[in-house]
Amino acid sequence: MNNISNIMITDIVGYSKLSGDNQDVALELLKEHDKVLFDAHNKYSGNILKNRGEGVISQFKSSSNSIRCAVEIKRKLK
């Protein structure tokens, strides 16, 4: 039995400043971010351990799925 996990930590850089500057834009960005993030985690069997608002801590049992998830998130948020 393999008990190895892969942990992914994400964060929106500059979100606190953006939120202070323009909360409406920050909330819209967060909504789009969450959709991309949660869809990718579901697609690649990621388990979100903690939602920190503008980022998450998640776990994958497959290292290849964690990499695929990260690449998809990066590509879609670019």
PDB file of N, CA and C in Angstrom:
ATOM      1  N   MET A   1       0.838  -1.184   0.000  1.00  0.00           N
ATOM      2  CA  MET A   1       0.000   0.000   0.000  1.00  0.00           C
ATOM      3  C   MET A   1       0.880   1.244   0.000  1.00  0.00           C
ATOM      4  N   ASN A   2       0.558   2.183  -0.867  1.00  0.00           N
ATOM      5  CA  ASN A   2       1.324   3.407  -1.028  1.00  0.00           C
ATOM      6  C   ASN A   2       0.667   4.529  -0.222  1.00  0.00           C
ATOM      7  N   ASN A   3       1.354   5.057   0.768  1.00  0.00           N
ATOM      8  CA  ASN A   3       0.824   6.132   1.599  1.00  0.00           C
ATOM      9  C   ASN A   3       1.430   7.487   1.259  1.00  0.00           C
ATOM     10  N   ILE A   4       2.052   7.590   0.095  1.00  0.00           N
ATOM     11  CA  ILE A   4       2.680   8.841  -0.302  1.00  0.00           C
ATOM     12  C   ILE A   4       1.619   9.778  -0.863  1.00  0.00           C
ATOM     13  N   SER A   5       1.681  11.038  -0.428  1.00  0.00           N
ATOM     14  CA  SER A   5       0.779  12.073  -0.939  1.00  0.00           C
ATOM     15  C   SER A   5       1.589  13.213  -1.511  1.00  0.00           C
ATOM     16  N   ASN A   6       0.992  13.924  -2.405  1.00  0.00           N
ATOM     17  CA  ASN A   6       1.572  15.133  -2.982  1.00  0.00           C
ATOM     18  C   ASN A   6       0.719  16.303  -2.521  1.00  0.00           C
ATOM     19  N   ILE A   7       1.342  17.320  -1.995  1.00  0.00           N
ATOM     20  CA  ILE A   7       0.631  18.484  -1.472  1.00  0.00           C
ATOM     21  C   ILE A   7       0.843  19.665  -2.422  1.00  0.00           C
ATOM     22  N   MET A   8      -0.246  20.350  -2.725  1.00  0.00           N
ATOM     23  CA  MET A   8      -0.190  21.552  -3.553  1.00  0.00           C
ATOM     24  C   MET A   8      -0.711  22.727  -2.726  1.00  0.00           C
ATOM     25  N   ILE A   9       0.028  23.826  -2.754  1.00  0.00           N
ATOM     26  CA  ILE A   9      -0.404  25.051  -2.079  1.00  0.00           C
ATOM     27  C   ILE A   9      -0.487  26.136  -3.138  1.00  0.00           C
ATOM     28  N   THR A  10      -1.647  26.781  -3.221  1.00  0.00           N
ATOM     29  CA  THR A  10      -1.820  27.858  -4.189  1.00  0.00           C
ATOM     30  C   THR A  10      -2.143  29.161  -3.457  1.00  0.00           C
ATOM     31  N   ASP A  11      -1.884  30.266  -4.146  1.00  0.00           N
ATOM     32  CA  ASP A  11      -2.141  31.582  -3.567  1.00  0.00           C
ATOM     33  C   ASP A  11      -2.207  32.599  -4.698  1.00  0.00           C
ATOM     34  N   ILE A  12      -3.109  33.565  -4.595  1.00  0.00           N
ATOM     35  CA  ILE A  12      -3.151  34.661  -5.558  1.00  0.00           C
ATOM     36  C   ILE A  12      -2.212  35.750  -5.041  1.00  0.00           C
ATOM     37  N   VAL A  13      -1.109  35.928  -5.727  1.00  0.00           N
ATOM     38  CA  VAL A  13      -0.129  36.936  -5.327  1.00  0.00           C
ATOM     39  C   VAL A  13      -0.744  38.327  -5.482  1.00  0.00           C
ATOM     40  N   GLY A  14      -0.654  39.132  -4.439  1.00  0.00           N
ATOM     41  CA  GLY A  14      -1.146  40.499  -4.490  1.00  0.00           C
ATOM     42  C   GLY A  14      -2.636  40.654  -4.238  1.00  0.00           C
ATOM     43  N   TYR A  15      -3.299  39.566  -3.831  1.00  0.00           N
ATOM     44  CA  TYR A  15      -4.754  39.632  -3.650  1.00  0.00           C
ATOM     45  C   TYR A  15      -5.154  40.607  -2.538  1.00  0.00           C
ATOM     46  N   SER A  16      -4.432  40.631  -1.447  1.00  0.00           N
ATOM     47  CA  SER A  16      -4.782  41.531  -0.340  1.00  0.00           C
ATOM     48  C   SER A  16      -4.724  42.990  -0.777  1.00  0.00           C
ATOM     49  N   LYS A  17      -3.682  43.346  -1.517  1.00  0.00           N
ATOM     50  CA  LYS A  17      -3.570  44.720  -2.012  1.00  0.00           C
ATOM     51  C   LYS A  17      -4.695  45.033  -2.994  1.00  0.00           C
ATOM     52  N   LEU A  18      -4.950  44.096  -3.915  1.00  0.00           N
ATOM     53  CA  LEU A  18      -6.023  44.290  -4.881  1.00  0.00           C
ATOM     54  C   LEU A  18      -7.362  44.451  -4.175  1.00  0.00           C
ATOM     55  N   SER A  19      -7.586  43.629  -3.160  1.00  0.00           N
ATOM     56  CA  SER A  19      -8.827  43.702  -2.396  1.00  0.00           C
ATOM     57  C   SER A  19      -8.983  45.062  -1.721  1.00  0.00           C
ATOM     58  N   GLY A  20      -7.877  45.601  -1.224  1.00  0.00           N
ATOM     59  CA  GLY A  20      -7.911  46.917  -0.603  1.00  0.00           C
ATOM     60  C   GLY A  20      -8.122  48.033  -1.610  1.00  0.00           C
ATOM     61  N   ASP A  21      -7.560  47.844  -2.816  1.00  0.00           N
ATOM     62  CA  ASP A  21      -7.666  48.863  -3.864  1.00  0.00           C
ATOM     63  C   ASP A  21      -9.039  48.853  -4.544  1.00  0.00           C
ATOM     64  N   ASN A  22      -9.553  47.651  -4.831  1.00  0.00           N
ATOM     65  CA  ASN A  22     -10.825  47.534  -5.550  1.00  0.00           C
ATOM     66  C   ASN A  22     -11.470  46.194  -5.200  1.00  0.00           C
ATOM     67  N   GLN A  23     -12.307  46.208  -4.196  1.00  0.00           N
ATOM     68  CA  GLN A  23     -12.889  44.969  -3.695  1.00  0.00           C
ATOM     69  C   GLN A  23     -13.773  44.274  -4.734  1.00  0.00           C
ATOM     70  N   ASP A  24     -14.479  45.033  -5.555  1.00  0.00           N
ATOM     71  CA  ASP A  24     -15.340  44.418  -6.578  1.00  0.00           C
ATOM     72  C   ASP A  24     -14.520  43.627  -7.587  1.00  0.00           C
ATOM     73  N   VAL A  25     -13.425  44.196  -8.041  1.00  0.00           N
ATOM     74  CA  VAL A  25     -12.542  43.497  -8.988  1.00  0.00           C
ATOM     75  C   VAL A  25     -11.923  42.278  -8.316  1.00  0.00           C
ATOM     76  N   ALA A  26     -11.498  42.425  -7.068  1.00  0.00           N
ATOM     77  CA  ALA A  26     -10.881  41.314  -6.338  1.00  0.00           C
ATOM     78  C   ALA A  26     -11.866  40.151  -6.182  1.00  0.00           C
ATOM     79  N   LEU A  27     -13.100  40.437  -5.873  1.00  0.00           N
ATOM     80  CA  LEU A  27     -14.103  39.376  -5.700  1.00  0.00           C
ATOM     81  C   LEU A  27     -14.413  38.689  -7.026  1.00  0.00           C
ATOM     82  N   GLU A  28     -14.448  39.450  -8.105  1.00  0.00           N
ATOM     83  CA  GLU A  28     -14.681  38.856  -9.429  1.00  0.00           C
ATOM     84  C   GLU A  28     -13.508  37.951  -9.812  1.00  0.00           C
ATOM     85  N   LEU A  29     -12.291  38.411  -9.557  1.00  0.00           N
ATOM     86  CA  LEU A  29     -11.096  37.605  -9.809  1.00  0.00           C
ATOM     87  C   LEU A  29     -11.127  36.317  -8.983  1.00  0.00           C
ATOM     88  N   LEU A  30     -11.512  36.433  -7.729  1.00  0.00           N
ATOM     89  CA  LEU A  30     -11.578  35.262  -6.850  1.00  0.00           C
ATOM     90  C   LEU A  30     -12.615  34.260  -7.345  1.00  0.00           C
ATOM     91  N   LYS A  31     -13.733  34.745  -7.839  1.00  0.00           N
ATOM     92  CA  LYS A  31     -14.780  33.864  -8.366  1.00  0.00           C
ATOM     93  C   LYS A  31     -14.255  33.063  -9.560  1.00  0.00           C
ATOM     94  N   GLU A  32     -13.577  33.738 -10.483  1.00  0.00           N
ATOM     95  CA  GLU A  32     -12.997  33.053 -11.644  1.00  0.00           C
ATOM     96  C   GLU A  32     -11.902  32.080 -11.210  1.00  0.00           C
ATOM     97  N   HIS A  33     -11.057  32.507 -10.291  1.00  0.00           N
ATOM     98  CA  HIS A  33      -9.983  31.676  -9.745  1.00  0.00           C
ATOM     99  C   HIS A  33     -10.546  30.386  -9.148  1.00  0.00           C
ATOM    100  N   ASP A  34     -11.566  30.518  -8.310  1.00  0.00           N
ATOM    101  CA  ASP A  34     -12.143  29.353  -7.646  1.00  0.00           C
ATOM    102  C   ASP A  34     -12.725  28.357  -8.641  1.00  0.00           C
ATOM    103  N   LYS A  35     -13.394  28.851  -9.668  1.00  0.00           N
ATOM    104  CA  LYS A  35     -13.963  27.945 -10.676  1.00  0.00           C
ATOM    105  C   LYS A  35     -12.860  27.135 -11.345  1.00  0.00           C
ATOM    106  N   VAL A  36     -11.807  27.807 -11.789  1.00  0.00           N
ATOM    107  CA  VAL A  36     -10.695  27.110 -12.444  1.00  0.00           C
ATOM    108  C   VAL A  36     -10.056  26.109 -11.482  1.00  0.00           C
ATOM    109  N   LEU A  37      -9.789  26.560 -10.263  1.00  0.00           N
ATOM    110  CA  LEU A  37      -9.114  25.718  -9.273  1.00  0.00           C
ATOM    111  C   LEU A  37      -9.933  24.482  -8.912  1.00  0.00           C
ATOM    112  N   PHE A  38     -11.202  24.681  -8.585  1.00  0.00           N
ATOM    113  CA  PHE A  38     -12.042  23.563  -8.149  1.00  0.00           C
ATOM    114  C   PHE A  38     -12.330  22.596  -9.290  1.00  0.00           C
ATOM    115  N   ASP A  39     -12.546  23.118 -10.500  1.00  0.00           N
ATOM    116  CA  ASP A  39     -12.762  22.235 -11.655  1.00  0.00           C
ATOM    117  C   ASP A  39     -11.532  21.361 -11.906  1.00  0.00           C
ATOM    118  N   ALA A  40     -10.344  21.961 -11.841  1.00  0.00           N
ATOM    119  CA  ALA A  40      -9.112  21.198 -12.078  1.00  0.00           C
ATOM    120  C   ALA A  40      -8.899  20.153 -10.986  1.00  0.00           C
ATOM    121  N   HIS A  41      -9.170  20.510  -9.740  1.00  0.00           N
ATOM    122  CA  HIS A  41      -9.018  19.534  -8.652  1.00  0.00           C
ATOM    123  C   HIS A  41      -9.976  18.362  -8.822  1.00  0.00           C
ATOM    124  N   ASN A  42     -11.193  18.636  -9.220  1.00  0.00           N
ATOM    125  CA  ASN A  42     -12.153  17.550  -9.467  1.00  0.00           C
ATOM    126  C   ASN A  42     -11.689  16.666 -10.620  1.00  0.00           C
ATOM    127  N   LYS A  43     -11.213  17.271 -11.681  1.00  0.00           N
ATOM    128  CA  LYS A  43     -10.765  16.527 -12.862  1.00  0.00           C
ATOM    129  C   LYS A  43      -9.597  15.601 -12.549  1.00  0.00           C
ATOM    130  N   TYR A  44      -8.674  16.052 -11.675  1.00  0.00           N
ATOM    131  CA  TYR A  44      -7.461  15.282 -11.391  1.00  0.00           C
ATOM    132  C   TYR A  44      -7.460  14.638 -10.004  1.00  0.00           C
ATOM    133  N   SER A  45      -8.633  14.469  -9.424  1.00  0.00           N
ATOM    134  CA  SER A  45      -8.815  13.755  -8.143  1.00  0.00           C
ATOM    135  C   SER A  45      -8.032  14.384  -6.993  1.00  0.00           C
ATOM    136  N   GLY A  46      -8.012  15.707  -6.966  1.00  0.00           N
ATOM    137  CA  GLY A  46      -7.370  16.408  -5.853  1.00  0.00           C
ATOM    138  C   GLY A  46      -8.340  16.565  -4.697  1.00  0.00           C
ATOM    139  N   ASN A  47      -7.826  16.469  -3.504  1.00  0.00           N
ATOM    140  CA  ASN A  47      -8.628  16.626  -2.293  1.00  0.00           C
ATOM    141  C   ASN A  47      -8.236  17.947  -1.628  1.00  0.00           C
ATOM    142  N   ILE A  48      -9.140  18.915  -1.617  1.00  0.00           N
ATOM    143  CA  ILE A  48      -8.841  20.203  -0.999  1.00  0.00           C
ATOM    144  C   ILE A  48      -8.934  20.048   0.515  1.00  0.00           C
ATOM    145  N   LEU A  49      -7.798  20.229   1.159  1.00  0.00           N
ATOM    146  CA  LEU A  49      -7.724  20.079   2.611  1.00  0.00           C
ATOM    147  C   LEU A  49      -8.137  21.354   3.331  1.00  0.00           C
ATOM    148  N   LYS A  50      -7.771  22.497   2.756  1.00  0.00           N
ATOM    149  CA  LYS A  50      -8.093  23.778   3.397  1.00  0.00           C
ATOM    150  C   LYS A  50      -8.239  24.846   2.326  1.00  0.00           C
ATOM    151  N   ASN A  51      -9.346  25.576   2.397  1.00  0.00           N
ATOM    152  CA  ASN A  51      -9.566  26.707   1.505  1.00  0.00           C
ATOM    153  C   ASN A  51      -9.225  27.963   2.299  1.00  0.00           C
ATOM    154  N   ARG A  52      -8.195  28.674   1.866  1.00  0.00           N
ATOM    155  CA  ARG A  52      -7.721  29.846   2.595  1.00  0.00           C
ATOM    156  C   ARG A  52      -8.225  31.142   1.963  1.00  0.00           C
ATOM    157  N   GLY A  53      -9.319  31.087   1.247  1.00  0.00           N
ATOM    158  CA  GLY A  53      -9.833  32.282   0.584  1.00  0.00           C
ATOM    159  C   GLY A  53      -9.230  32.444  -0.775  1.00  0.00           C
ATOM    160  N   GLU A  54      -8.050  33.074  -0.860  1.00  0.00           N
ATOM    161  CA  GLU A  54      -7.422  33.293  -2.162  1.00  0.00           C
ATOM    162  C   GLU A  54      -6.447  32.180  -2.534  1.00  0.00           C
ATOM    163  N   GLY A  55      -6.501  31.078  -1.850  1.00  0.00           N
ATOM    164  CA  GLY A  55      -5.643  29.940  -2.167  1.00  0.00           C
ATOM    165  C   GLY A  55      -6.107  28.705  -1.420  1.00  0.00           C
ATOM    166  N   VAL A  56      -5.559  27.579  -1.798  1.00  0.00           N
ATOM    167  CA  VAL A  56      -5.935  26.323  -1.155  1.00  0.00           C
ATOM    168  C   VAL A  56      -4.703  25.487  -0.837  1.00  0.00           C
ATOM    169  N   ILE A  57      -4.896  24.561   0.080  1.00  0.00           N
ATOM    170  CA  ILE A  57      -3.934  23.497   0.353  1.00  0.00           C
ATOM    171  C   ILE A  57      -4.654  22.222  -0.045  1.00  0.00           C
ATOM    172  N   SER A  58      -4.045  21.458  -0.946  1.00  0.00           N
ATOM    173  CA  SER A  58      -4.711  20.264  -1.439  1.00  0.00           C
ATOM    174  C   SER A  58      -3.759  19.077  -1.497  1.00  0.00           C
ATOM    175  N   GLN A  59      -4.350  17.905  -1.631  1.00  0.00           N
ATOM    176  CA  GLN A  59      -3.607  16.647  -1.595  1.00  0.00           C
ATOM    177  C   GLN A  59      -3.973  15.808  -2.818  1.00  0.00           C
ATOM    178  N   PHE A  60      -2.963  15.161  -3.366  1.00  0.00           N
ATOM    179  CA  PHE A  60      -3.149  14.237  -4.479  1.00  0.00           C
ATOM    180  C   PHE A  60      -2.447  12.932  -4.141  1.00  0.00           C
ATOM    181  N   LYS A  61      -3.042  11.835  -4.523  1.00  0.00           N
ATOM    182  CA  LYS A  61      -2.396  10.534  -4.322  1.00  0.00           C
ATOM    183  C   LYS A  61      -1.472  10.198  -5.483  1.00  0.00           C
ATOM    184  N   SER A  62      -1.655  10.897  -6.592  1.00  0.00           N
ATOM    185  CA  SER A  62      -0.849  10.652  -7.784  1.00  0.00           C
ATOM    186  C   SER A  62      -0.010  11.893  -8.096  1.00  0.00           C
ATOM    187  N   SER A  63       1.294  11.714  -8.181  1.00  0.00           N
ATOM    188  CA  SER A  63       2.144  12.870  -8.503  1.00  0.00           C
ATOM    189  C   SER A  63       1.864  13.379  -9.913  1.00  0.00           C
ATOM    190  N   SER A  64       1.573  12.474 -10.840  1.00  0.00           N
ATOM    191  CA  SER A  64       1.283  12.926 -12.204  1.00  0.00           C
ATOM    192  C   SER A  64      -0.008  13.738 -12.241  1.00  0.00           C
ATOM    193  N   ASN A  65      -1.005  13.365 -11.440  1.00  0.00           N
ATOM    194  CA  ASN A  65      -2.239  14.153 -11.391  1.00  0.00           C
ATOM    195  C   ASN A  65      -2.000  15.523 -10.765  1.00  0.00           C
ATOM    196  N   SER A  66      -1.151  15.595  -9.763  1.00  0.00           N
ATOM    197  CA  SER A  66      -0.877  16.897  -9.148  1.00  0.00           C
ATOM    198  C   SER A  66      -0.189  17.826 -10.142  1.00  0.00           C
ATOM    199  N   ILE A  67       0.709  17.290 -10.938  1.00  0.00           N
ATOM    200  CA  ILE A  67       1.404  18.091 -11.949  1.00  0.00           C
ATOM    201  C   ILE A  67       0.430  18.516 -13.044  1.00  0.00           C
ATOM    202  N   ARG A  68      -0.389  17.579 -13.521  1.00  0.00           N
ATOM    203  CA  ARG A  68      -1.378  17.920 -14.551  1.00  0.00           C
ATOM    204  C   ARG A  68      -2.340  18.998 -14.055  1.00  0.00           C
ATOM    205  N   CYS A  69      -2.758  18.882 -12.810  1.00  0.00           N
ATOM    206  CA  CYS A  69      -3.658  19.860 -12.215  1.00  0.00           C
ATOM    207  C   CYS A  69      -2.992  21.232 -12.166  1.00  0.00           C
ATOM    208  N   ALA A  70      -1.770  21.290 -11.689  1.00  0.00           N
ATOM    209  CA  ALA A  70      -1.045  22.560 -11.583  1.00  0.00           C
ATOM    210  C   ALA A  70      -0.853  23.203 -12.952  1.00  0.00           C
ATOM    211  N   VAL A  71      -0.502  22.407 -13.954  1.00  0.00           N
ATOM    212  CA  VAL A  71      -0.296  22.933 -15.308  1.00  0.00           C
ATOM    213  C   VAL A  71      -1.610  23.471 -15.870  1.00  0.00           C
ATOM    214  N   GLU A  72      -2.694  22.747 -15.659  1.00  0.00           N
ATOM    215  CA  GLU A  72      -3.992  23.216 -16.157  1.00  0.00           C
ATOM    216  C   GLU A  72      -4.418  24.510 -15.474  1.00  0.00           C
ATOM    217  N   ILE A  73      -4.236  24.586 -14.173  1.00  0.00           N
ATOM    218  CA  ILE A  73      -4.572  25.817 -13.436  1.00  0.00           C
ATOM    219  C   ILE A  73      -3.747  26.985 -13.972  1.00  0.00           C
ATOM    220  N   LYS A  74      -2.463  26.804 -14.097  1.00  0.00           N
ATOM    221  CA  LYS A  74      -1.557  27.848 -14.589  1.00  0.00           C
ATOM    222  C   LYS A  74      -1.973  28.304 -15.983  1.00  0.00           C
ATOM    223  N   ARG A  75      -2.244  27.338 -16.863  1.00  0.00           N
ATOM    224  CA  ARG A  75      -2.613  27.648 -18.242  1.00  0.00           C
ATOM    225  C   ARG A  75      -3.934  28.431 -18.298  1.00  0.00           C
ATOM    226  N   LYS A  76      -4.921  28.001 -17.527  1.00  0.00           N
ATOM    227  CA  LYS A  76      -6.235  28.649 -17.580  1.00  0.00           C
ATOM    228  C   LYS A  76      -6.250  30.010 -16.894  1.00  0.00           C
ATOM    229  N   LEU A  77      -5.415  30.200 -15.900  1.00  0.00           N
ATOM    230  CA  LEU A  77      -5.396  31.496 -15.198  1.00  0.00           C
ATOM    231  C   LEU A  77      -4.507  32.522 -15.901  1.00  0.00           C
ATOM    232  N   LYS A  78      -3.662  32.050 -16.810  1.00  0.00           N
ATOM    233  CA  LYS A  78      -2.763  32.953 -17.531  1.00  0.00           C
ATOM    234  C   LYS A  78      -3.573  33.854 -18.395  1.00  0.00           C
TER     235      LYS A  78
END
